[in-house]
Amino acid sequence: MSHSHFLTIPINENGIILDQRFKDELQTAAADPFAFTDVFLYSHGWWNTASSASAEYNVFSLGFAKALQGLVCSSPAQWPKIGAAFQPLALAIHWPSMLSENQDSVANFLEATSFFTMQQRADSVGLHAGYSLLRLMIERQKEGHPYRFHLIGHSFGCRVLASALAALAEDPETAGRMADNEFNVALIQAAADTDSLAPGQLYGKVQQCIPKLRMLVTTSANDTALGKWYPEAQRIAHLFSGPIEAMGSKGPTGDLRIPVDQRFDVTSAIVPTFTGRLGVANLTPLHQSTAAAYGAADNWGGQHSDINLPQIYDMLARFFGR
């Protein structure tokens, strides 16, 4: 497996990329001597400052890289796409998902009340900055050398990526060039409505218009943030109009253009390989085995953020490596 390159992208609350040199940096990445084959785009969720997001990205990227390397070393012939020709570029989005970037700020004591603000902000960041990043990479890729895009989001970070893809899907200028690119999307404990991928819903255009799309959605019964608090918050927002459940709790629902074609459990000992178009990975058995060590009983969100686990890295490596 070749050396990778990692860039962090600062974005403001309006979805504007703050680094004015970033377009030039992407132009450099698309030119010789670089020959990137794969582009990874990460987005964190709610309740992260720049420092905590950076720490999470570091832990996640190292664990994930180790899992990729482990697959290649154990059975290289089975994973040719992440073998010698694999040249990844990793892009990490940092968006302001707290009321203040200062972790000691008094404002952050009110963070729990910012649910709807951050939900809308995540969509805005994806609609503007996430979309711009994907479009720039597609516009600047070498002729005849499409990318394999791998998008990884957690919690509200899933909204960032889904909004970016929805905007890309509606852009007629990139439709032609987008056709040869692959899009592999991992939505880890997605804080979005279960039917949001269905036609006519918020991200319905993603399945309808993104070619060569594969999606993997995780769920967990041990995720209290999505299983309990997300429906409560949405009931208030929609004036108690009925149950609205989270994708990271129940999985995707509705009249999906790409239906769920594979469901599997992830345990501490068994990590299946996802081979379909839309998969649902149940993390509940894994989370049950790590609950005590994670301190889930004392965490208001349960194991919503219990994602830095070797089994999850392995699951993603197997997904992206096919």
Protein backbone atom coordinates (compact mmCIF):
# COMPACT_ATOMS: atom_id res chain seq x y z
CA MET A 1 0.00 0.00 0.00
CA SER A 2 1.41 3.41 -1.00
CA HIS A 3 1.95 6.47 1.16
CA SER A 4 -1.14 8.60 1.79
CA HIS A 5 -1.58 12.34 2.12
CA PHE A 6 -3.87 13.99 4.67
CA LEU A 7 -5.34 17.51 4.52
CA THR A 8 -7.62 19.18 7.07
CA ILE A 9 -10.13 21.71 5.74
CA PRO A 10 -11.41 24.47 8.07
CA ILE A 11 -14.96 25.62 7.32
CA ASN A 12 -17.07 28.32 8.94
CA GLU A 13 -20.69 28.12 10.09
CA ASN A 14 -21.95 29.24 6.66
CA GLY A 15 -20.18 26.42 4.85
CA ILE A 16 -17.38 28.62 3.50
CA ILE A 17 -13.92 27.08 3.18
CA LEU A 18 -11.63 29.36 5.19
CA ASP A 19 -8.37 28.34 3.53
CA GLN A 20 -8.27 30.54 0.42
CA ARG A 21 -5.34 28.53 -0.97
CA PHE A 22 -7.23 25.27 -0.96
CA LYS A 23 -8.21 25.36 -4.65
CA ASP A 24 -4.53 25.72 -5.54
CA GLU A 25 -3.66 22.85 -3.22
CA LEU A 26 -6.21 20.60 -4.94
CA GLN A 27 -4.81 21.64 -8.31
CA THR A 28 -1.38 20.54 -7.10
CA ALA A 29 -2.81 17.25 -5.86
CA ALA A 30 -4.34 16.55 -9.28
CA ALA A 31 -1.06 17.10 -11.14
CA ASP A 32 2.17 15.12 -11.44
CA PRO A 33 3.95 13.66 -9.56
CA PHE A 34 0.79 12.75 -7.65
CA ALA A 35 -1.39 10.02 -9.08
CA PHE A 36 -4.17 9.67 -6.55
CA THR A 37 -6.57 6.80 -7.13
CA ASP A 38 -8.77 7.19 -4.04
CA VAL A 39 -10.14 10.22 -2.21
CA PHE A 40 -11.33 9.88 1.39
CA LEU A 41 -13.58 12.58 2.81
CA TYR A 42 -14.26 12.54 6.57
CA SER A 43 -16.76 14.62 8.52
CA HIS A 44 -17.16 14.64 12.29
CA GLY A 45 -20.47 15.19 14.04
CA TRP A 46 -21.90 17.50 16.68
CA TRP A 47 -20.12 18.64 19.82
CA ASN A 48 -16.53 18.87 18.46
CA THR A 49 -14.09 21.77 18.71
CA ALA A 50 -11.11 22.05 16.37
CA SER A 51 -8.84 20.37 18.91
CA SER A 52 -11.21 17.51 19.74
CA ALA A 53 -12.04 16.94 16.06
CA SER A 54 -8.34 16.83 15.21
CA ALA A 55 -7.73 14.29 17.97
CA GLU A 56 -10.64 12.15 16.76
CA TYR A 57 -9.44 12.28 13.16
CA ASN A 58 -5.94 11.23 14.24
CA VAL A 59 -7.20 8.24 16.21
CA PHE A 60 -9.65 7.20 13.50
CA SER A 61 -7.26 7.60 10.56
CA LEU A 62 -4.49 5.60 12.23
CA GLY A 63 -6.85 2.80 13.24
CA PHE A 64 -8.38 2.70 9.78
CA ALA A 65 -4.97 2.74 8.04
CA LYS A 66 -3.87 -0.17 10.23
CA ALA A 67 -6.98 -2.13 9.20
CA LEU A 68 -6.33 -1.46 5.50
CA GLN A 69 -2.72 -2.54 5.87
CA GLY A 70 -3.80 -5.67 7.71
CA LEU A 71 -6.07 -6.76 4.86
CA VAL A 72 -3.38 -6.23 2.24
CA CYS A 73 -0.72 -8.06 4.24
CA SER A 74 -2.94 -11.04 5.09
CA SER A 75 -4.39 -11.66 1.60
CA PRO A 76 -3.14 -9.20 -1.05
CA ALA A 77 -4.75 -11.03 -3.97
CA GLN A 78 -8.19 -10.60 -2.38
CA TRP A 79 -7.87 -6.80 -2.09
CA PRO A 80 -6.21 -5.54 -5.30
CA LYS A 81 -7.77 -2.07 -5.10
CA ILE A 82 -5.82 -1.28 -1.94
CA GLY A 83 -2.60 -2.96 -3.07
CA ALA A 84 0.51 -1.51 -4.68
CA ALA A 85 -1.38 0.88 -6.99
CA PHE A 86 -3.44 2.38 -4.15
CA GLN A 87 -2.67 6.12 -3.83
CA PRO A 88 -5.05 7.75 -1.31
CA LEU A 89 -5.70 11.40 -0.57
CA ALA A 90 -7.54 11.99 2.72
CA LEU A 91 -9.54 15.18 3.31
CA ALA A 92 -10.93 15.93 6.77
CA ILE A 93 -13.63 18.57 7.19
CA HIS A 94 -13.70 20.58 10.38
CA TRP A 95 -16.90 22.56 10.77
CA PRO A 96 -17.95 24.57 13.87
CA SER A 97 -20.22 22.08 15.61
CA MET A 98 -20.19 23.79 19.01
CA LEU A 99 -21.44 27.18 20.13
CA SER A 100 -17.84 28.13 20.92
CA GLU A 101 -14.49 26.69 19.81
CA ASN A 102 -13.25 27.42 23.32
CA GLN A 103 -13.92 24.23 25.29
CA ASP A 104 -14.02 26.23 28.52
CA SER A 105 -16.52 28.79 27.25
CA VAL A 106 -19.67 29.34 29.32
CA ALA A 107 -21.64 29.21 26.05
CA ASN A 108 -20.91 25.52 25.72
CA PHE A 109 -22.97 24.76 28.83
CA LEU A 110 -25.93 25.45 26.52
CA GLU A 111 -24.68 23.08 23.83
CA ALA A 112 -27.54 20.61 24.28
CA THR A 113 -29.98 23.36 23.26
CA SER A 114 -28.20 23.87 19.91
CA PHE A 115 -29.47 20.61 18.35
CA PHE A 116 -31.50 22.26 15.59
CA THR A 117 -28.88 24.92 14.93
CA MET A 118 -26.21 22.27 14.42
CA GLN A 119 -28.53 20.05 12.39
CA GLN A 120 -29.16 22.89 9.95
CA ARG A 121 -25.51 23.91 10.02
CA ALA A 122 -24.40 20.40 9.06
CA ASP A 123 -26.70 20.50 6.02
CA SER A 124 -25.41 23.96 5.10
CA VAL A 125 -21.77 22.87 5.39
CA GLY A 126 -22.44 19.92 3.12
CA LEU A 127 -24.49 21.93 0.63
CA HIS A 128 -21.73 24.50 0.18
CA ALA A 129 -18.30 23.28 1.31
CA GLY A 130 -18.76 19.52 0.95
CA TYR A 131 -20.23 19.91 -2.51
CA SER A 132 -17.45 22.32 -3.54
CA LEU A 133 -14.77 19.86 -2.46
CA LEU A 134 -16.26 16.98 -4.43
CA ARG A 135 -16.84 19.15 -7.49
CA LEU A 136 -13.29 20.51 -7.39
CA MET A 137 -11.82 17.01 -7.19
CA ILE A 138 -13.95 15.85 -10.13
CA GLU A 139 -13.14 18.93 -12.23
CA ARG A 140 -9.41 18.64 -11.61
CA GLN A 141 -8.97 14.90 -12.07
CA LYS A 142 -6.80 13.77 -14.94
CA GLU A 143 -8.58 12.70 -18.11
CA GLY A 144 -9.24 8.98 -18.02
CA HIS A 145 -8.34 8.70 -14.34
CA PRO A 146 -11.56 8.80 -12.29
CA TYR A 147 -11.43 8.55 -8.52
CA ARG A 148 -12.86 6.15 -6.05
CA PHE A 149 -14.49 8.46 -3.50
CA HIS A 150 -14.88 7.12 0.04
CA LEU A 151 -17.04 9.26 2.32
CA ILE A 152 -17.12 8.63 6.07
CA GLY A 153 -19.45 10.56 8.34
CA HIS A 154 -20.46 10.22 11.97
CA SER A 155 -23.68 11.56 13.52
CA PHE A 156 -24.39 15.03 12.03
CA GLY A 157 -21.32 14.47 9.86
CA CYS A 158 -23.50 12.09 7.85
CA ARG A 159 -25.75 15.04 7.05
CA VAL A 160 -22.71 16.99 5.82
CA LEU A 161 -21.84 14.22 3.36
CA ALA A 162 -25.40 13.43 2.29
CA SER A 163 -26.08 17.12 1.62
CA ALA A 164 -22.87 17.37 -0.39
CA LEU A 165 -23.86 14.39 -2.53
CA ALA A 166 -27.40 15.71 -2.98
CA ALA A 167 -26.03 19.03 -4.26
CA LEU A 168 -23.61 17.21 -6.55
CA ALA A 169 -26.47 15.08 -7.88
CA GLU A 170 -28.39 18.21 -8.91
CA ASP A 171 -25.43 19.84 -10.70
CA PRO A 172 -25.80 19.26 -14.46
CA GLU A 173 -22.29 20.54 -15.16
CA THR A 174 -20.62 17.67 -13.29
CA ALA A 175 -23.01 14.90 -14.36
CA GLY A 176 -20.92 13.81 -17.32
CA ARG A 177 -17.57 13.75 -15.56
CA MET A 178 -19.05 12.17 -12.45
CA ALA A 179 -20.23 9.07 -14.31
CA ASP A 180 -16.96 7.13 -14.15
CA ASN A 181 -16.23 7.86 -10.50
CA GLU A 182 -17.13 5.42 -7.73
CA PHE A 183 -18.81 6.63 -4.55
CA ASN A 184 -18.62 4.52 -1.40
CA VAL A 185 -20.42 6.15 1.52
CA ALA A 186 -20.30 5.04 5.16
CA LEU A 187 -22.91 6.65 7.42
CA ILE A 188 -21.87 5.82 10.97
CA GLN A 189 -24.69 6.34 13.47
CA ALA A 190 -26.37 8.84 11.17
CA ALA A 191 -28.34 11.61 12.89
CA ALA A 192 -30.84 11.87 10.03
CA ASP A 193 -34.43 10.68 9.60
CA THR A 194 -34.81 7.06 8.54
CA ASP A 195 -36.57 8.00 5.27
CA SER A 196 -34.23 10.84 4.27
CA LEU A 197 -32.73 8.82 1.38
CA ALA A 198 -36.13 8.08 -0.17
CA PRO A 199 -37.29 9.94 -3.31
CA GLY A 200 -38.72 13.36 -2.51
CA GLN A 201 -36.98 13.51 0.86
CA LEU A 202 -34.00 15.62 1.94
CA TYR A 203 -31.31 13.41 0.36
CA GLY A 204 -33.49 11.54 -2.11
CA LYS A 205 -31.47 12.68 -5.13
CA VAL A 206 -28.39 10.85 -3.86
CA GLN A 207 -29.63 7.36 -4.72
CA GLN A 208 -31.43 8.62 -7.82
CA CYS A 209 -28.57 10.51 -9.47
CA ILE A 210 -25.18 9.42 -8.10
CA PRO A 211 -23.78 6.64 -10.34
CA LYS A 212 -21.71 3.75 -9.03
CA LEU A 213 -22.98 4.38 -5.52
CA ARG A 214 -22.60 2.00 -2.58
CA MET A 215 -23.73 2.90 0.93
CA LEU A 216 -23.18 1.28 4.32
CA VAL A 217 -25.31 2.45 7.27
CA THR A 218 -24.62 1.46 10.88
CA THR A 219 -27.22 1.09 13.64
CA SER A 220 -27.01 0.36 17.34
CA ALA A 221 -29.61 -0.24 20.03
CA ASN A 222 -27.01 1.03 22.51
CA ASP A 223 -27.04 4.48 20.89
CA THR A 224 -29.20 6.44 23.35
CA ALA A 225 -28.59 9.75 21.58
CA LEU A 226 -30.34 8.49 18.45
CA GLY A 227 -32.68 5.93 19.97
CA LYS A 228 -34.13 8.21 22.65
CA TRP A 229 -33.15 11.86 22.30
CA TYR A 230 -33.26 12.29 18.50
CA PRO A 231 -36.95 11.26 18.24
CA GLU A 232 -37.81 13.48 21.19
CA ALA A 233 -36.13 16.49 19.61
CA GLN A 234 -37.79 15.89 16.25
CA ARG A 235 -41.22 15.49 17.88
CA ILE A 236 -40.83 18.95 19.39
CA ALA A 237 -39.67 20.41 16.08
CA HIS A 238 -42.61 18.92 14.22
CA LEU A 239 -45.18 19.83 16.88
CA PHE A 240 -45.64 16.26 18.09
CA SER A 241 -46.81 15.11 14.66
CA GLY A 242 -45.75 11.52 15.20
CA PRO A 243 -42.65 9.34 15.66
CA ILE A 244 -39.58 10.38 13.67
CA GLU A 245 -36.73 7.98 14.15
CA ALA A 246 -33.04 8.19 13.32
CA MET A 247 -31.30 6.26 10.57
CA GLY A 248 -28.54 5.33 13.01
CA SER A 249 -31.14 3.69 15.22
CA LYS A 250 -33.46 1.92 12.76
CA GLY A 251 -31.64 2.03 9.41
CA PRO A 252 -32.90 3.50 6.12
CA THR A 253 -36.60 3.20 5.30
CA GLY A 254 -39.01 4.26 2.58
CA ASP A 255 -39.36 3.52 -1.12
CA LEU A 256 -35.62 3.51 -1.71
CA ARG A 257 -34.28 3.61 -5.26
CA ILE A 258 -31.48 1.31 -4.06
CA PRO A 259 -33.07 -1.02 -1.49
CA VAL A 260 -31.24 -2.62 1.41
CA ASP A 261 -29.66 -5.78 0.04
CA GLN A 262 -27.47 -6.88 2.95
CA ARG A 263 -27.88 -6.81 6.72
CA PHE A 264 -25.33 -8.18 9.15
CA ASP A 265 -24.23 -8.07 12.78
CA VAL A 266 -20.79 -6.88 13.84
CA THR A 267 -19.51 -8.61 16.97
CA SER A 268 -16.25 -8.49 18.86
CA ALA A 269 -15.14 -11.63 17.00
CA ILE A 270 -16.91 -11.49 13.62
CA VAL A 271 -16.77 -8.72 11.02
CA PRO A 272 -18.59 -9.65 7.79
CA THR A 273 -17.63 -8.16 4.43
CA PHE A 274 -20.26 -5.94 2.85
CA THR A 275 -20.63 -6.76 -0.85
CA GLY A 276 -23.96 -5.13 -1.82
CA ARG A 277 -25.23 -1.67 -2.82
CA LEU A 278 -26.97 -0.62 0.41
CA GLY A 279 -26.04 -2.38 3.62
CA VAL A 280 -27.06 -2.09 7.27
CA ALA A 281 -24.46 -3.07 9.83
CA ASN A 282 -25.87 -3.71 13.31
CA LEU A 283 -23.26 -2.64 15.87
CA THR A 284 -25.39 -3.62 18.87
CA PRO A 285 -23.53 -6.91 19.64
CA LEU A 286 -20.19 -5.10 19.40
CA HIS A 287 -21.38 -2.24 21.57
CA GLN A 288 -22.75 -4.64 24.16
CA SER A 289 -19.26 -6.11 24.48
CA THR A 290 -17.62 -2.69 24.91
CA ALA A 291 -20.31 -0.94 27.01
CA ALA A 292 -18.58 -1.32 30.36
CA ALA A 293 -15.17 -0.18 29.11
CA TYR A 294 -16.74 2.79 27.32
CA GLY A 295 -18.73 3.84 30.40
CA ALA A 296 -22.02 3.76 28.51
CA ALA A 297 -24.16 3.67 31.64
CA ASP A 298 -22.92 7.12 32.65
CA ASN A 299 -23.10 8.67 29.17
CA TRP A 300 -26.29 10.52 28.16
CA GLY A 301 -25.71 9.51 24.54
CA GLY A 302 -25.05 5.86 25.31
CA GLN A 303 -22.56 4.54 22.75
CA HIS A 304 -23.35 7.00 20.01
CA SER A 305 -19.67 7.93 19.72
CA ASP A 306 -18.19 4.53 20.54
CA ILE A 307 -16.79 4.20 17.02
CA ASN A 308 -13.02 4.02 17.48
CA LEU A 309 -13.01 0.24 17.60
CA PRO A 310 -10.84 -2.22 15.61
CA GLN A 311 -13.92 -4.06 14.37
CA ILE A 312 -15.40 -0.86 12.90
CA TYR A 313 -12.11 -0.02 11.20
CA ASP A 314 -12.01 -3.55 9.78
CA MET A 315 -15.61 -3.30 8.56
CA LEU A 316 -14.85 -0.04 6.74
CA ALA A 317 -11.60 -1.34 5.28
CA ARG A 318 -13.44 -4.33 3.86
CA PHE A 319 -16.15 -2.08 2.45
CA PHE A 320 -13.78 0.39 0.80
CA GLY A 321 -11.27 -2.24 -0.24
CA ARG A 322 -13.61 -4.13 -2.56
